[in-house]
Protein backbone atom coordinates (compact mmCIF):
# COMPACT_ATOMS: atom_id res chain seq x y z
CA MET A 1 0.00 0.00 0.00
CA PRO A 2 1.62 3.31 -1.06
CA ARG A 3 2.11 6.10 1.46
CA LYS A 4 0.14 9.30 1.25
CA PRO A 5 2.08 12.59 0.92
CA SER A 6 2.32 14.53 4.19
CA GLN A 7 0.86 17.65 2.60
CA PRO A 8 -1.90 17.51 0.01
CA GLY A 9 -0.65 18.48 -3.43
CA ALA A 10 3.04 18.17 -2.48
CA ALA A 11 5.10 15.80 -4.55
CA PRO A 12 7.26 13.34 -2.59
CA LYS A 13 10.98 14.01 -2.66
CA PRO A 14 12.98 11.57 -4.74
CA ARG A 15 15.18 9.25 -2.70
CA ARG A 16 18.84 8.92 -3.42
CA THR A 17 19.44 5.25 -3.88
CA ALA A 18 22.65 5.33 -5.91
CA ARG A 19 25.64 4.09 -3.99
CA ARG A 20 29.12 5.49 -4.37
CA ALA A 21 31.60 3.21 -5.96
CA ALA A 22 33.97 1.74 -3.40
CA PRO A 23 37.47 3.19 -3.84
CA ALA A 24 40.08 0.74 -4.96
CA GLN A 25 41.98 -0.49 -1.92
CA GLU A 26 45.49 -1.76 -1.92
CA ALA A 27 46.18 -5.19 -0.52
CA PRO A 28 46.96 -4.88 3.19
CA ARG A 29 50.67 -5.01 3.81
CA LYS A 30 51.94 -7.57 6.26
CA PRO A 31 53.88 -5.79 9.01
CA ALA A 32 57.57 -6.46 9.41
CA PRO A 33 58.53 -9.11 11.94
CA CYS A 34 59.77 -8.19 15.40
CA VAL A 35 63.55 -7.86 15.44
CA VAL A 36 63.77 -9.87 18.70
CA CYS A 37 61.23 -12.70 18.48
CA GLY A 38 59.89 -12.54 14.91
CA GLY A 39 56.31 -11.84 16.03
CA GLU A 40 53.97 -9.29 14.45
CA VAL A 41 55.16 -5.72 15.07
CA ALA A 42 52.86 -3.46 17.05
CA PRO A 43 51.21 -0.87 14.76
CA PHE A 44 52.46 2.08 16.85
CA SER A 45 55.99 0.79 17.37
CA THR A 46 58.79 2.81 15.80
CA GLU A 47 61.36 0.34 17.12
CA GLU A 48 60.12 -2.65 15.10
CA LEU A 49 59.20 -4.56 18.29
CA CYS A 50 56.10 -6.61 19.03
CA TRP A 51 54.01 -5.54 22.03
CA VAL A 52 55.52 -8.26 24.27
CA CYS A 53 59.14 -7.33 23.51
CA ARG A 54 58.28 -3.66 23.86
CA ARG A 55 56.84 -4.23 27.35
CA LEU A 56 59.86 -6.29 28.35
CA LYS A 57 62.17 -3.50 27.19
CA ILE A 58 60.26 -0.89 29.21
CA SER A 59 60.29 -3.18 32.25
CA ALA A 60 64.04 -3.72 31.93
CA TRP A 61 64.62 0.06 31.76
CA ARG A 62 62.66 0.48 35.00
CA ASP A 63 64.72 -2.21 36.70
CA ILE A 64 68.01 -0.63 35.59
CA GLU A 65 66.90 2.84 36.76
CA GLY A 66 65.88 1.38 40.16
CA GLN A 67 69.21 -0.37 40.60
CA ALA A 68 71.16 2.78 39.69
CA ALA A 69 69.27 4.74 42.37
CA ILE A 70 70.07 2.09 45.01
CA GLN A 71 73.81 2.08 44.19
CA GLU A 72 74.11 5.85 44.59
């Protein structure tokens, strides 16, 4: 059953049904392997480390800084 126009005598607005063509996408690149373990590199890493190796590196820095403070 067709709808009635909201106002008498007013023509219904045409609907835009055309879809935009999807832009051509390049094949997703596989990230470089981690330089330590060979795992998948974290997307935000500038050091080419996976998230596990990155966390271990940060943890090791904290340990070294703590030991340096104790020795002084």
